[in-house]
C-alpha atoms as a PDB file:
ATOM      1  CA  UNK A   1      -8.967  -2.402 -30.630  1.00  0.00           C
ATOM      2  CA  UNK A   2      -6.012  -2.366 -28.318  1.00  0.00           C
ATOM      3  CA  UNK A   3      -2.364  -2.453 -29.378  1.00  0.00           C
ATOM      4  CA  UNK A   4      -0.395  -5.498 -28.314  1.00  0.00           C
ATOM      5  CA  UNK A   5       0.717  -5.237 -24.785  1.00  0.00           C
ATOM      6  CA  UNK A   6       4.344  -4.280 -24.215  1.00  0.00           C
ATOM      7  CA  UNK A   7       4.630  -6.015 -20.846  1.00  0.00           C
ATOM      8  CA  UNK A   8       2.267  -7.314 -18.225  1.00  0.00           C
ATOM      9  CA  UNK A   9       2.132  -3.978 -16.458  1.00  0.00           C
ATOM     10  CA  UNK A  10       2.686  -1.608 -19.353  1.00  0.00           C
ATOM     11  CA  UNK A  11       0.577   0.356 -21.792  1.00  0.00           C
ATOM     12  CA  UNK A  12       0.257   0.050 -25.558  1.00  0.00           C
ATOM     13  CA  UNK A  13       3.249  -1.288 -27.430  1.00  0.00           C
ATOM     14  CA  UNK A  14       3.545   1.955 -29.410  1.00  0.00           C
ATOM     15  CA  UNK A  15       4.233   3.970 -26.252  1.00  0.00           C
ATOM     16  CA  UNK A  16       2.455   5.749 -23.454  1.00  0.00           C
ATOM     17  CA  UNK A  17      -1.297   6.447 -23.691  1.00  0.00           C
ATOM     18  CA  UNK A  18      -2.184   9.619 -25.610  1.00  0.00           C
ATOM     19  CA  UNK A  19      -5.223  11.627 -24.494  1.00  0.00           C
ATOM     20  CA  UNK A  20      -6.977  14.628 -25.983  1.00  0.00           C
ATOM     21  CA  UNK A  21      -6.471  18.038 -24.315  1.00  0.00           C
ATOM     22  CA  UNK A  22     -10.134  18.024 -23.270  1.00  0.00           C
ATOM     23  CA  UNK A  23      -9.753  14.701 -21.500  1.00  0.00           C
ATOM     24  CA  UNK A  24      -6.595  15.867 -19.713  1.00  0.00           C
ATOM     25  CA  UNK A  25      -8.396  19.022 -18.552  1.00  0.00           C
ATOM     26  CA  UNK A  26     -11.147  16.862 -17.117  1.00  0.00           C
ATOM     27  CA  UNK A  27      -8.548  14.882 -15.167  1.00  0.00           C
ATOM     28  CA  UNK A  28      -7.244  18.115 -13.641  1.00  0.00           C
ATOM     29  CA  UNK A  29     -10.723  18.957 -12.355  1.00  0.00           C
ATOM     30  CA  UNK A  30     -11.213  15.358 -11.237  1.00  0.00           C
ATOM     31  CA  UNK A  31      -7.966  15.548  -9.251  1.00  0.00           C
ATOM     32  CA  UNK A  32      -9.287  18.533  -7.281  1.00  0.00           C
ATOM     33  CA  UNK A  33     -12.448  16.565  -6.485  1.00  0.00           C
ATOM     34  CA  UNK A  34     -10.380  13.616  -5.265  1.00  0.00           C
ATOM     35  CA  UNK A  35      -8.236  15.841  -3.065  1.00  0.00           C
ATOM     36  CA  UNK A  36     -10.887  18.112  -1.596  1.00  0.00           C
ATOM     37  CA  UNK A  37     -14.044  16.015  -1.549  1.00  0.00           C
ATOM     38  CA  UNK A  38     -12.687  12.488  -1.160  1.00  0.00           C
ATOM     39  CA  UNK A  39      -9.461  13.217   0.707  1.00  0.00           C
ATOM     40  CA  UNK A  40      -7.507  10.599  -1.251  1.00  0.00           C
ATOM     41  CA  UNK A  41      -3.755  10.350  -0.879  1.00  0.00           C
ATOM     42  CA  UNK A  42      -1.421  11.676  -3.551  1.00  0.00           C
ATOM     43  CA  UNK A  43      -0.297   8.154  -4.443  1.00  0.00           C
ATOM     44  CA  UNK A  44      -3.884   6.966  -4.944  1.00  0.00           C
ATOM     45  CA  UNK A  45      -4.722  10.002  -7.080  1.00  0.00           C
ATOM     46  CA  UNK A  46      -1.676   9.390  -9.277  1.00  0.00           C
ATOM     47  CA  UNK A  47      -2.562   5.712  -9.675  1.00  0.00           C
ATOM     48  CA  UNK A  48      -6.134   6.550 -10.742  1.00  0.00           C
ATOM     49  CA  UNK A  49      -4.858   9.185 -13.156  1.00  0.00           C
ATOM     50  CA  UNK A  50      -2.529   6.668 -14.811  1.00  0.00           C
ATOM     51  CA  UNK A  51      -5.410   4.217 -15.108  1.00  0.00           C
ATOM     52  CA  UNK A  52      -7.694   6.831 -16.667  1.00  0.00           C
ATOM     53  CA  UNK A  53      -5.011   7.757 -19.207  1.00  0.00           C
ATOM     54  CA  UNK A  54      -5.603   4.340 -20.772  1.00  0.00           C
ATOM     55  CA  UNK A  55      -9.343   4.995 -21.003  1.00  0.00           C
ATOM     56  CA  UNK A  56      -8.671   8.453 -22.464  1.00  0.00           C
ATOM     57  CA  UNK A  57      -6.388   6.913 -25.081  1.00  0.00           C
ATOM     58  CA  UNK A  58      -9.121   4.379 -25.892  1.00  0.00           C
ATOM     59  CA  UNK A  59     -11.702   7.165 -26.342  1.00  0.00           C
ATOM     60  CA  UNK A  60      -9.337   9.094 -28.614  1.00  0.00           C
ATOM     61  CA  UNK A  61      -8.769   6.079 -30.847  1.00  0.00           C
ATOM     62  CA  UNK A  62     -12.498   5.386 -30.937  1.00  0.00           C
ATOM     63  CA  UNK A  63     -13.185   8.998 -31.925  1.00  0.00           C
ATOM     64  CA  UNK A  64     -15.322   9.665 -28.828  1.00  0.00           C
ATOM     65  CA  UNK A  65     -15.065  13.412 -28.212  1.00  0.00           C
ATOM     66  CA  UNK A  66     -18.124  14.149 -26.072  1.00  0.00           C
ATOM     67  CA  UNK A  67     -18.910  12.543 -22.703  1.00  0.00           C
ATOM     68  CA  UNK A  68     -22.487  11.929 -23.810  1.00  0.00           C
ATOM     69  CA  UNK A  69     -21.096   9.506 -26.402  1.00  0.00           C
ATOM     70  CA  UNK A  70     -19.713   7.193 -23.707  1.00  0.00           C
ATOM     71  CA  UNK A  71     -22.323   4.485 -24.200  1.00  0.00           C
ATOM     72  CA  UNK A  72     -22.598   1.038 -22.592  1.00  0.00           C
ATOM     73  CA  UNK A  73     -21.183  -0.410 -25.813  1.00  0.00           C
ATOM     74  CA  UNK A  74     -18.084   1.827 -25.595  1.00  0.00           C
ATOM     75  CA  UNK A  75     -17.464   0.917 -21.973  1.00  0.00           C
ATOM     76  CA  UNK A  76     -18.017  -2.783 -22.662  1.00  0.00           C
ATOM     77  CA  UNK A  77     -15.499  -2.740 -25.524  1.00  0.00           C
ATOM     78  CA  UNK A  78     -12.929  -1.073 -23.281  1.00  0.00           C
ATOM     79  CA  UNK A  79     -13.340  -3.617 -20.483  1.00  0.00           C
ATOM     80  CA  UNK A  80     -13.299  -6.563 -22.883  1.00  0.00           C
ATOM     81  CA  UNK A  81     -10.097  -5.182 -24.363  1.00  0.00           C
ATOM     82  CA  UNK A  82      -8.504  -4.944 -20.925  1.00  0.00           C
ATOM     83  CA  UNK A  83      -9.478  -8.514 -20.101  1.00  0.00           C
ATOM     84  CA  UNK A  84      -7.999  -9.816 -23.337  1.00  0.00           C
ATOM     85  CA  UNK A  85      -4.613  -8.290 -22.499  1.00  0.00           C
ATOM     86  CA  UNK A  86      -4.123 -10.519 -19.489  1.00  0.00           C
ATOM     87  CA  UNK A  87      -4.080  -7.915 -16.760  1.00  0.00           C
ATOM     88  CA  UNK A  88      -4.214  -9.182 -13.191  1.00  0.00           C
ATOM     89  CA  UNK A  89      -7.593  -9.060 -11.482  1.00  0.00           C
ATOM     90  CA  UNK A  90      -6.351  -6.455  -9.027  1.00  0.00           C
ATOM     91  CA  UNK A  91      -5.241  -4.173 -11.879  1.00  0.00           C
ATOM     92  CA  UNK A  92      -8.565  -4.601 -13.661  1.00  0.00           C
ATOM     93  CA  UNK A  93     -10.478  -3.834 -10.484  1.00  0.00           C
ATOM     94  CA  UNK A  94      -8.488  -0.665  -9.822  1.00  0.00           C
ATOM     95  CA  UNK A  95      -9.035   0.582 -13.373  1.00  0.00           C
ATOM     96  CA  UNK A  96     -12.740  -0.053 -13.062  1.00  0.00           C
ATOM     97  CA  UNK A  97     -12.861   1.825  -9.756  1.00  0.00           C
ATOM     98  CA  UNK A  98     -11.062   4.788 -11.336  1.00  0.00           C
ATOM     99  CA  UNK A  99     -13.448   4.800 -14.289  1.00  0.00           C
ATOM    100  CA  UNK A 100     -16.542   4.585 -12.077  1.00  0.00           C
ATOM    101  CA  UNK A 101     -15.271   7.438  -9.920  1.00  0.00           C
ATOM    102  CA  UNK A 102     -14.573   9.641 -12.949  1.00  0.00           C
ATOM    103  CA  UNK A 103     -17.982   8.936 -14.476  1.00  0.00           C
ATOM    104  CA  UNK A 104     -19.664   9.803 -11.168  1.00  0.00           C
ATOM    105  CA  UNK A 105     -17.696  13.069 -11.034  1.00  0.00           C
ATOM    106  CA  UNK A 106     -18.897  13.963 -14.549  1.00  0.00           C
ATOM    107  CA  UNK A 107     -22.469  13.579 -13.325  1.00  0.00           C
ATOM    108  CA  UNK A 108     -21.908  15.499 -10.085  1.00  0.00           C
ATOM    109  CA  UNK A 109     -20.406  18.408 -12.017  1.00  0.00           C
ATOM    110  CA  UNK A 110     -23.331  18.353 -14.516  1.00  0.00           C
ATOM    111  CA  UNK A 111     -21.115  17.456 -17.477  1.00  0.00           C
ATOM    112  CA  UNK A 112     -23.395  14.509 -18.258  1.00  0.00           C
ATOM    113  CA  UNK A 113     -27.098  14.276 -17.644  1.00  0.00           C
ATOM    114  CA  UNK A 114     -27.113  10.914 -15.897  1.00  0.00           C
ATOM    115  CA  UNK A 115     -24.928   8.895 -13.566  1.00  0.00           C
ATOM    116  CA  UNK A 116     -23.203   6.389 -15.818  1.00  0.00           C
ATOM    117  CA  UNK A 117     -21.481   4.361 -13.115  1.00  0.00           C
ATOM    118  CA  UNK A 118     -24.090   1.671 -13.622  1.00  0.00           C
ATOM    119  CA  UNK A 119     -22.405   0.997 -16.972  1.00  0.00           C
ATOM    120  CA  UNK A 120     -19.303  -0.257 -15.203  1.00  0.00           C
ATOM    121  CA  UNK A 121     -19.560  -3.296 -12.958  1.00  0.00           C
ATOM    122  CA  UNK A 122     -16.746  -4.265 -10.635  1.00  0.00           C
ATOM    123  CA  UNK A 123     -15.180  -7.578 -11.698  1.00  0.00           C
ATOM    124  CA  UNK A 124     -15.659 -10.446  -9.305  1.00  0.00           C
ATOM    125  CA  UNK A 125     -12.349 -11.418  -7.772  1.00  0.00           C
ATOM    126  CA  UNK A 126     -11.131 -14.445  -5.912  1.00  0.00           C
ATOM    127  CA  UNK A 127     -10.204 -13.422  -2.412  1.00  0.00           C
ATOM    128  CA  UNK A 128      -6.473 -14.000  -2.031  1.00  0.00           C
ATOM    129  CA  UNK A 129      -5.157 -14.589   1.461  1.00  0.00           C
ATOM    130  CA  UNK A 130      -2.401 -12.182   2.476  1.00  0.00           C
ATOM    131  CA  UNK A 131       1.126 -13.492   2.676  1.00  0.00           C
ATOM    132  CA  UNK A 132       2.441 -13.470   6.240  1.00  0.00           C
ATOM    133  CA  UNK A 133       5.568 -14.492   8.136  1.00  0.00           C
ATOM    134  CA  UNK A 134       5.597 -16.605  11.253  1.00  0.00           C
ATOM    135  CA  UNK A 135       6.896 -15.153  14.505  1.00  0.00           C
ATOM    136  CA  UNK A 136      10.446 -16.484  14.109  1.00  0.00           C
ATOM    137  CA  UNK A 137      10.839 -15.270  10.541  1.00  0.00           C
ATOM    138  CA  UNK A 138       9.382 -11.880  11.457  1.00  0.00           C
ATOM    139  CA  UNK A 139      11.856 -11.531  14.309  1.00  0.00           C
ATOM    140  CA  UNK A 140      14.690 -12.485  11.935  1.00  0.00           C
ATOM    141  CA  UNK A 141      13.601  -9.803   9.479  1.00  0.00           C
ATOM    142  CA  UNK A 142      13.119  -6.863  11.843  1.00  0.00           C
ATOM    143  CA  UNK A 143      16.406  -7.511  13.650  1.00  0.00           C
ATOM    144  CA  UNK A 144      18.376  -8.114  10.461  1.00  0.00           C
ATOM    145  CA  UNK A 145      20.024  -4.669   9.897  1.00  0.00           C
ATOM    146  CA  UNK A 146      23.567  -4.427  11.213  1.00  0.00           C
ATOM    147  CA  UNK A 147      23.692  -1.623  13.826  1.00  0.00           C
ATOM    148  CA  UNK A 148      27.362  -1.042  12.970  1.00  0.00           C
ATOM    149  CA  UNK A 149      26.542  -0.192   9.347  1.00  0.00           C
ATOM    150  CA  UNK A 150      26.074   3.418   8.227  1.00  0.00           C
ATOM    151  CA  UNK A 151      22.275   3.332   8.291  1.00  0.00           C
ATOM    152  CA  UNK A 152      21.720   0.178  10.322  1.00  0.00           C
ATOM    153  CA  UNK A 153      20.129   1.957  13.288  1.00  0.00           C
ATOM    154  CA  UNK A 154      17.657   3.717  11.015  1.00  0.00           C
ATOM    155  CA  UNK A 155      16.786   0.581   9.059  1.00  0.00           C
ATOM    156  CA  UNK A 156      16.284  -1.413  12.268  1.00  0.00           C
ATOM    157  CA  UNK A 157      13.940   1.279  13.602  1.00  0.00           C
ATOM    158  CA  UNK A 158      11.999   1.322  10.329  1.00  0.00           C
ATOM    159  CA  UNK A 159      11.440  -2.442  10.342  1.00  0.00           C
ATOM    160  CA  UNK A 160      10.543  -2.505  14.035  1.00  0.00           C
ATOM    161  CA  UNK A 161       7.941   0.261  13.579  1.00  0.00           C
ATOM    162  CA  UNK A 162       6.502  -1.404  10.471  1.00  0.00           C
ATOM    163  CA  UNK A 163       5.822  -4.575  12.440  1.00  0.00           C
ATOM    164  CA  UNK A 164       4.993  -3.002  15.822  1.00  0.00           C
ATOM    165  CA  UNK A 165       2.374  -0.635  14.396  1.00  0.00           C
ATOM    166  CA  UNK A 166       1.175  -2.293  11.177  1.00  0.00           C
ATOM    167  CA  UNK A 167       1.753   0.868   9.151  1.00  0.00           C
ATOM    168  CA  UNK A 168       1.571   1.228   5.397  1.00  0.00           C
ATOM    169  CA  UNK A 169       4.749   2.398   3.632  1.00  0.00           C
ATOM    170  CA  UNK A 170       3.159   5.761   2.809  1.00  0.00           C
ATOM    171  CA  UNK A 171       2.168   6.208   6.452  1.00  0.00           C
ATOM    172  CA  UNK A 172       5.681   5.499   7.671  1.00  0.00           C
ATOM    173  CA  UNK A 173       7.145   7.932   5.125  1.00  0.00           C
ATOM    174  CA  UNK A 174       4.685  10.567   6.309  1.00  0.00           C
ATOM    175  CA  UNK A 175       5.653  10.335   9.975  1.00  0.00           C
ATOM    176  CA  UNK A 176       7.135  13.471  11.500  1.00  0.00           C
ATOM    177  CA  UNK A 177       9.383  13.566  14.523  1.00  0.00           C
ATOM    178  CA  UNK A 178       6.587  15.241  16.466  1.00  0.00           C
ATOM    179  CA  UNK A 179       4.223  12.341  15.749  1.00  0.00           C
ATOM    180  CA  UNK A 180       6.118  10.106  18.171  1.00  0.00           C
ATOM    181  CA  UNK A 181       5.337  10.174  21.887  1.00  0.00           C
ATOM    182  CA  UNK A 182       8.156   8.252  23.510  1.00  0.00           C
ATOM    183  CA  UNK A 183       6.802   8.667  27.048  1.00  0.00           C
ATOM    184  CA  UNK A 184       3.302   7.554  26.107  1.00  0.00           C
ATOM    185  CA  UNK A 185       4.600   4.808  23.773  1.00  0.00           C
ATOM    186  CA  UNK A 186       2.360   5.705  20.844  1.00  0.00           C
ATOM    187  CA  UNK A 187       2.479   7.476  17.494  1.00  0.00           C
ATOM    188  CA  UNK A 188       0.024   9.402  15.361  1.00  0.00           C
ATOM    189  CA  UNK A 189      -0.159   8.680  11.653  1.00  0.00           C
ATOM    190  CA  UNK A 190      -2.228   9.916   8.750  1.00  0.00           C
ATOM    191  CA  UNK A 191      -3.929   7.042   6.947  1.00  0.00           C
ATOM    192  CA  UNK A 192      -6.061   6.739   3.855  1.00  0.00           C
ATOM    193  CA  UNK A 193      -8.621   9.470   3.341  1.00  0.00           C
ATOM    194  CA  UNK A 194      -6.540  11.748   5.596  1.00  0.00           C
ATOM    195  CA  UNK A 195      -7.837   9.924   8.638  1.00  0.00           C
ATOM    196  CA  UNK A 196      -5.580  10.247  11.653  1.00  0.00           C
ATOM    197  CA  UNK A 197      -5.188   7.352  14.034  1.00  0.00           C
ATOM    198  CA  UNK A 198      -3.190   6.630  17.170  1.00  0.00           C
ATOM    199  CA  UNK A 199      -1.198   3.389  17.350  1.00  0.00           C
ATOM    200  CA  UNK A 200       0.711   1.970  20.331  1.00  0.00           C
ATOM    201  CA  UNK A 201       4.423   1.251  19.926  1.00  0.00           C
ATOM    202  CA  UNK A 202       5.887  -1.903  21.444  1.00  0.00           C
ATOM    203  CA  UNK A 203       8.927  -1.972  23.696  1.00  0.00           C
ATOM    204  CA  UNK A 204      11.350  -3.326  21.078  1.00  0.00           C
ATOM    205  CA  UNK A 205      10.306  -0.694  18.551  1.00  0.00           C
ATOM    206  CA  UNK A 206      10.612   2.031  21.181  1.00  0.00           C
ATOM    207  CA  UNK A 207      14.153   0.924  21.981  1.00  0.00           C
ATOM    208  CA  UNK A 208      15.114   0.914  18.301  1.00  0.00           C
ATOM    209  CA  UNK A 209      13.529   4.340  17.803  1.00  0.00           C
ATOM    210  CA  UNK A 210      15.270   5.808  20.832  1.00  0.00           C
ATOM    211  CA  UNK A 211      18.668   4.580  19.642  1.00  0.00           C
ATOM    212  CA  UNK A 212      18.073   5.945  16.130  1.00  0.00           C
ATOM    213  CA  UNK A 213      16.867   9.315  17.428  1.00  0.00           C
ATOM    214  CA  UNK A 214      19.817   9.667  19.779  1.00  0.00           C
ATOM    215  CA  UNK A 215      22.714   8.199  17.800  1.00  0.00           C
ATOM    216  CA  UNK A 216      21.972   8.650  14.091  1.00  0.00           C
ATOM    217  CA  UNK A 217      19.153  11.063  13.248  1.00  0.00           C
ATOM    218  CA  UNK A 218      20.993  14.195  14.480  1.00  0.00           C
ATOM    219  CA  UNK A 219      23.858  13.438  12.071  1.00  0.00           C
ATOM    220  CA  UNK A 220      21.461  12.852   9.156  1.00  0.00           C
ATOM    221  CA  UNK A 221      19.603  16.035  10.042  1.00  0.00           C
ATOM    222  CA  UNK A 222      22.874  17.979  10.007  1.00  0.00           C
ATOM    223  CA  UNK A 223      23.644  16.601   6.543  1.00  0.00           C
ATOM    224  CA  UNK A 224      20.287  17.872   5.380  1.00  0.00           C
ATOM    225  CA  UNK A 225      20.995  21.313   6.849  1.00  0.00           C
ATOM    226  CA  UNK A 226      24.441  21.442   5.250  1.00  0.00           C
ATOM    227  CA  UNK A 227      22.928  20.650   1.856  1.00  0.00           C
ATOM    228  CA  UNK A 228      20.191  23.227   2.244  1.00  0.00           C
ATOM    229  CA  UNK A 229      17.350  20.717   2.382  1.00  0.00           C
ATOM    230  CA  UNK A 230      15.834  22.387   5.434  1.00  0.00           C
ATOM    231  CA  UNK A 231      15.323  26.048   6.162  1.00  0.00           C
ATOM    232  CA  UNK A 232      17.148  27.831   8.976  1.00  0.00           C
ATOM    233  CA  UNK A 233      16.791  28.619  11.795  1.00  0.00           C
ATOM    234  CA  UNK A 234      15.755  25.112  12.766  1.00  0.00           C
ATOM    235  CA  UNK A 235      13.782  25.693  15.942  1.00  0.00           C
ATOM    236  CA  UNK A 236      12.505  22.882  18.140  1.00  0.00           C
ATOM    237  CA  UNK A 237       9.022  23.289  16.678  1.00  0.00           C
ATOM    238  CA  UNK A 238      10.371  23.263  13.131  1.00  0.00           C
ATOM    239  CA  UNK A 239      12.469  20.157  13.827  1.00  0.00           C
ATOM    240  CA  UNK A 240       9.398  18.322  15.145  1.00  0.00           C
ATOM    241  CA  UNK A 241       7.703  18.955  11.814  1.00  0.00           C
ATOM    242  CA  UNK A 242      10.476  17.318   9.791  1.00  0.00           C
ATOM    243  CA  UNK A 243      10.313  13.683   8.648  1.00  0.00           C
ATOM    244  CA  UNK A 244      11.094  11.121  11.319  1.00  0.00           C
ATOM    245  CA  UNK A 245      13.146   8.923   9.015  1.00  0.00           C
ATOM    246  CA  UNK A 246      15.782  10.641   6.884  1.00  0.00           C
ATOM    247  CA  UNK A 247      17.712   9.498   3.834  1.00  0.00           C
ATOM    248  CA  UNK A 248      21.459   9.096   3.609  1.00  0.00           C
ATOM    249  CA  UNK A 249      21.728  12.711   2.438  1.00  0.00           C
ATOM    250  CA  UNK A 250      19.499  14.012   5.215  1.00  0.00           C
ATOM    251  CA  UNK A 251      16.367  14.490   3.139  1.00  0.00           C
ATOM    252  CA  UNK A 252      12.962  12.789   3.342  1.00  0.00           C
ATOM    253  CA  UNK A 253      12.760   9.103   2.469  1.00  0.00           C
ATOM    254  CA  UNK A 254      10.754   7.802  -0.469  1.00  0.00           C
ATOM    255  CA  UNK A 255       8.401   4.814  -0.356  1.00  0.00           C
ATOM    256  CA  UNK A 256      10.628   2.951  -2.782  1.00  0.00           C
ATOM    257  CA  UNK A 257      13.495   3.229  -0.294  1.00  0.00           C
ATOM    258  CA  UNK A 258      11.295   1.681   2.413  1.00  0.00           C
ATOM    259  CA  UNK A 259      10.439  -1.209   0.096  1.00  0.00           C
ATOM    260  CA  UNK A 260      14.101  -1.636  -0.760  1.00  0.00           C
ATOM    261  CA  UNK A 261      15.068  -1.965   2.902  1.00  0.00           C
ATOM    262  CA  UNK A 262      12.465  -4.667   3.530  1.00  0.00           C
ATOM    263  CA  UNK A 263      13.398  -6.666   0.434  1.00  0.00           C
ATOM    264  CA  UNK A 264      17.133  -6.376   1.049  1.00  0.00           C
ATOM    265  CA  UNK A 265      16.911  -7.592   4.635  1.00  0.00           C
ATOM    266  CA  UNK A 266      14.481 -10.386   3.698  1.00  0.00           C
ATOM    267  CA  UNK A 267      16.956 -11.592   1.086  1.00  0.00           C
ATOM    268  CA  UNK A 268      19.755 -11.411   3.630  1.00  0.00           C
ATOM    269  CA  UNK A 269      17.770 -13.658   5.970  1.00  0.00           C
ATOM    270  CA  UNK A 270      16.917 -16.111   3.190  1.00  0.00           C
ATOM    271  CA  UNK A 271      13.187 -15.403   3.387  1.00  0.00           C
ATOM    272  CA  UNK A 272      11.614 -16.652   0.173  1.00  0.00           C
ATOM    273  CA  UNK A 273       8.842 -14.934  -1.742  1.00  0.00           C
ATOM    274  CA  UNK A 274       7.996 -11.319  -2.388  1.00  0.00           C
ATOM    275  CA  UNK A 275       8.389  -9.719   1.023  1.00  0.00           C
ATOM    276  CA  UNK A 276       7.234  -6.108   1.273  1.00  0.00           C
ATOM    277  CA  UNK A 277       6.177  -3.579   3.920  1.00  0.00           C
ATOM    278  CA  UNK A 278       2.657  -4.935   3.518  1.00  0.00           C
ATOM    279  CA  UNK A 279       3.932  -8.395   4.475  1.00  0.00           C
ATOM    280  CA  UNK A 280       4.869  -6.961   7.869  1.00  0.00           C
ATOM    281  CA  UNK A 281       1.477  -5.231   8.068  1.00  0.00           C
ATOM    282  CA  UNK A 282      -0.280  -8.532   7.318  1.00  0.00           C
ATOM    283  CA  UNK A 283       1.906 -10.324   9.864  1.00  0.00           C
ATOM    284  CA  UNK A 284       1.130  -7.643  12.461  1.00  0.00           C
ATOM    285  CA  UNK A 285      -2.614  -8.207  12.081  1.00  0.00           C
ATOM    286  CA  UNK A 286      -2.402 -11.992  11.931  1.00  0.00           C
ATOM    287  CA  UNK A 287      -0.177 -12.278  14.994  1.00  0.00           C
ATOM    288  CA  UNK A 288      -2.502  -9.999  16.984  1.00  0.00           C
ATOM    289  CA  UNK A 289      -5.499 -12.179  16.178  1.00  0.00           C
ATOM    290  CA  UNK A 290      -3.548 -15.341  16.971  1.00  0.00           C
ATOM    291  CA  UNK A 291      -2.690 -13.778  20.319  1.00  0.00           C
ATOM    292  CA  UNK A 292      -6.370 -13.240  21.136  1.00  0.00           C
ATOM    293  CA  UNK A 293      -6.956  -9.660  19.980  1.00  0.00           C
ATOM    294  CA  UNK A 294     -10.491  -8.624  19.098  1.00  0.00           C
ATOM    295  CA  UNK A 295     -11.186  -8.136  15.395  1.00  0.00           C
ATOM    296  CA  UNK A 296     -12.558  -4.635  16.006  1.00  0.00           C
ATOM    297  CA  UNK A 297      -9.350  -3.662  17.788  1.00  0.00           C
ATOM    298  CA  UNK A 298      -7.274  -4.892  14.859  1.00  0.00           C
ATOM    299  CA  UNK A 299      -9.524  -2.946  12.496  1.00  0.00           C
ATOM    300  CA  UNK A 300      -8.883   0.230  14.491  1.00  0.00           C
ATOM    301  CA  UNK A 301      -5.127  -0.358  14.593  1.00  0.00           C
ATOM    302  CA  UNK A 302      -4.939  -0.979  10.848  1.00  0.00           C
ATOM    303  CA  UNK A 303      -7.115   2.009  10.035  1.00  0.00           C
ATOM    304  CA  UNK A 304      -9.617   0.003   7.996  1.00  0.00           C
ATOM    305  CA  UNK A 305     -12.850   1.864   7.258  1.00  0.00           C
ATOM    306  CA  UNK A 306     -14.801  -1.399   7.047  1.00  0.00           C
ATOM    307  CA  UNK A 307     -14.616  -4.475   9.254  1.00  0.00           C
ATOM    308  CA  UNK A 308     -15.025  -6.555   6.091  1.00  0.00           C
ATOM    309  CA  UNK A 309     -11.508  -5.581   5.037  1.00  0.00           C
ATOM    310  CA  UNK A 310     -10.103  -6.833   8.343  1.00  0.00           C
ATOM    311  CA  UNK A 311     -12.046 -10.095   8.250  1.00  0.00           C
ATOM    312  CA  UNK A 312      -9.670 -11.555   5.663  1.00  0.00           C
ATOM    313  CA  UNK A 313      -7.228 -12.189   8.514  1.00  0.00           C
ATOM    314  CA  UNK A 314      -9.729 -14.540  10.133  1.00  0.00           C
ATOM    315  CA  UNK A 315      -9.422 -16.650   6.971  1.00  0.00           C
ATOM    316  CA  UNK A 316      -5.667 -16.763   7.517  1.00  0.00           C
ATOM    317  CA  UNK A 317      -6.320 -18.082  11.031  1.00  0.00           C
ATOM    318  CA  UNK A 318      -8.753 -20.672   9.701  1.00  0.00           C
ATOM    319  CA  UNK A 319      -6.244 -21.889   7.132  1.00  0.00           C
ATOM    320  CA  UNK A 320      -3.566 -22.308   9.785  1.00  0.00           C
ATOM    321  CA  UNK A 321      -5.934 -24.106  12.124  1.00  0.00           C
ATOM    322  CA  UNK A 322      -6.771 -26.523   9.313  1.00  0.00           C
ATOM    323  CA  UNK A 323      -3.088 -27.162   8.693  1.00  0.00           C
ATOM    324  CA  UNK A 324      -2.450 -27.797  12.386  1.00  0.00           C
ATOM    325  CA  UNK A 325      -5.489 -30.052  12.601  1.00  0.00           C
ATOM    326  CA  UNK A 326      -4.389 -32.055   9.566  1.00  0.00           C
ATOM    327  CA  UNK A 327      -0.886 -32.437  10.981  1.00  0.00           C
ATOM    328  CA  UNK A 328      -1.776 -33.231  14.597  1.00  0.00           C
ATOM    329  CA  UNK A 329      -5.114 -35.044  14.561  1.00  0.00           C
ATOM    330  CA  UNK A 330      -4.673 -38.842  14.311  1.00  0.00           C
ATOM    331  CA  UNK A 331      -6.807 -39.224  11.219  1.00  0.00           C
ATOM    332  CA  UNK A 332      -5.524 -36.017   9.685  1.00  0.00           C
ATOM    333  CA  UNK A 333      -1.932 -37.129  10.240  1.00  0.00           C
ATOM    334  CA  UNK A 334      -2.662 -40.509   8.638  1.00  0.00           C
ATOM    335  CA  UNK A 335      -4.111 -38.794   5.604  1.00  0.00           C
ATOM    336  CA  UNK A 336      -1.062 -36.534   5.275  1.00  0.00           C
ATOM    337  CA  UNK A 337       1.276 -39.538   5.508  1.00  0.00           C
ATOM    338  CA  UNK A 338      -0.661 -41.358   2.791  1.00  0.00           C
ATOM    339  CA  UNK A 339      -0.339 -38.349   0.492  1.00  0.00           C
ATOM    340  CA  UNK A 340       3.383 -38.070   1.183  1.00  0.00           C
ATOM    341  CA  UNK A 341       3.899 -41.804   0.448  1.00  0.00           C
ATOM    342  CA  UNK A 342       1.741 -41.792  -2.664  1.00  0.00           C
ATOM    343  CA  UNK A 343       3.797 -42.281  -5.855  1.00  0.00           C
ATOM    344  CA  UNK A 344       1.735 -39.541  -7.529  1.00  0.00           C
END
């Protein structure tokens, strides 16, 4: 039913998914719905589109040309095929979400007579605890960039803001110079679903930002002007609307560049594991809760629509408390010593 998988993340071994023109046209209309009605980010829309390409390819190979022919049996075969290919649970869940959303859109736009989302159940997933860094390792990471290097001041400011504000990579890329209020010590960012939120900026991050804005950004901005990346005349209002963080050539930074900075500096500090911008976001939330912050406050700062999403960080706290208890309590310590001395 499915071609052998090329790699764990890839599509069919024979190449990229191939969809019929009718299916691709439906994705164009679906994209408008996602943008206008749901307010999803461009990155989310692209991810869902890629996921649906695989379903479109499956329908083409099954000879399903009309939406009314998408039966429970067809959907079940597709999901069973995905499971057999060894995709991660998170990938499966995202593909199911994309499919459910598309099927609901078909019903809302009267292309099918009934809502077929009931045909697609979300897979049950084990709840994985987020990877975090302790305070010392976090401090090592955010202070790692060399200020004497060409882009060290920018990279230091990026890492400090990631940790001080708990931003996503896409949110940091989307920041404009005018979104920062240095006097008020806060920034405005656009989160998921185009929801704006205000986040305080800590003293260390403010200092790093101020140095970057004063000593490096004007030079990067001039490079961008020299290369024609920005339109002239560059008034004060126009400058405030330009990206806060600029690339080496003076243009806007990509998310991949943000990820690269985090991974490079983590490697430099000898921090093991897959460290990403989200690691700093997870650490931000965990450290706030450990410091006594209210869960609702953390939810607001992270921009979570549901408190249930934020509650995972309470599990991180519980795990750490258990570790401390096992290490420090007399009976817990005895048990740990017995395990360490056991020949097994």
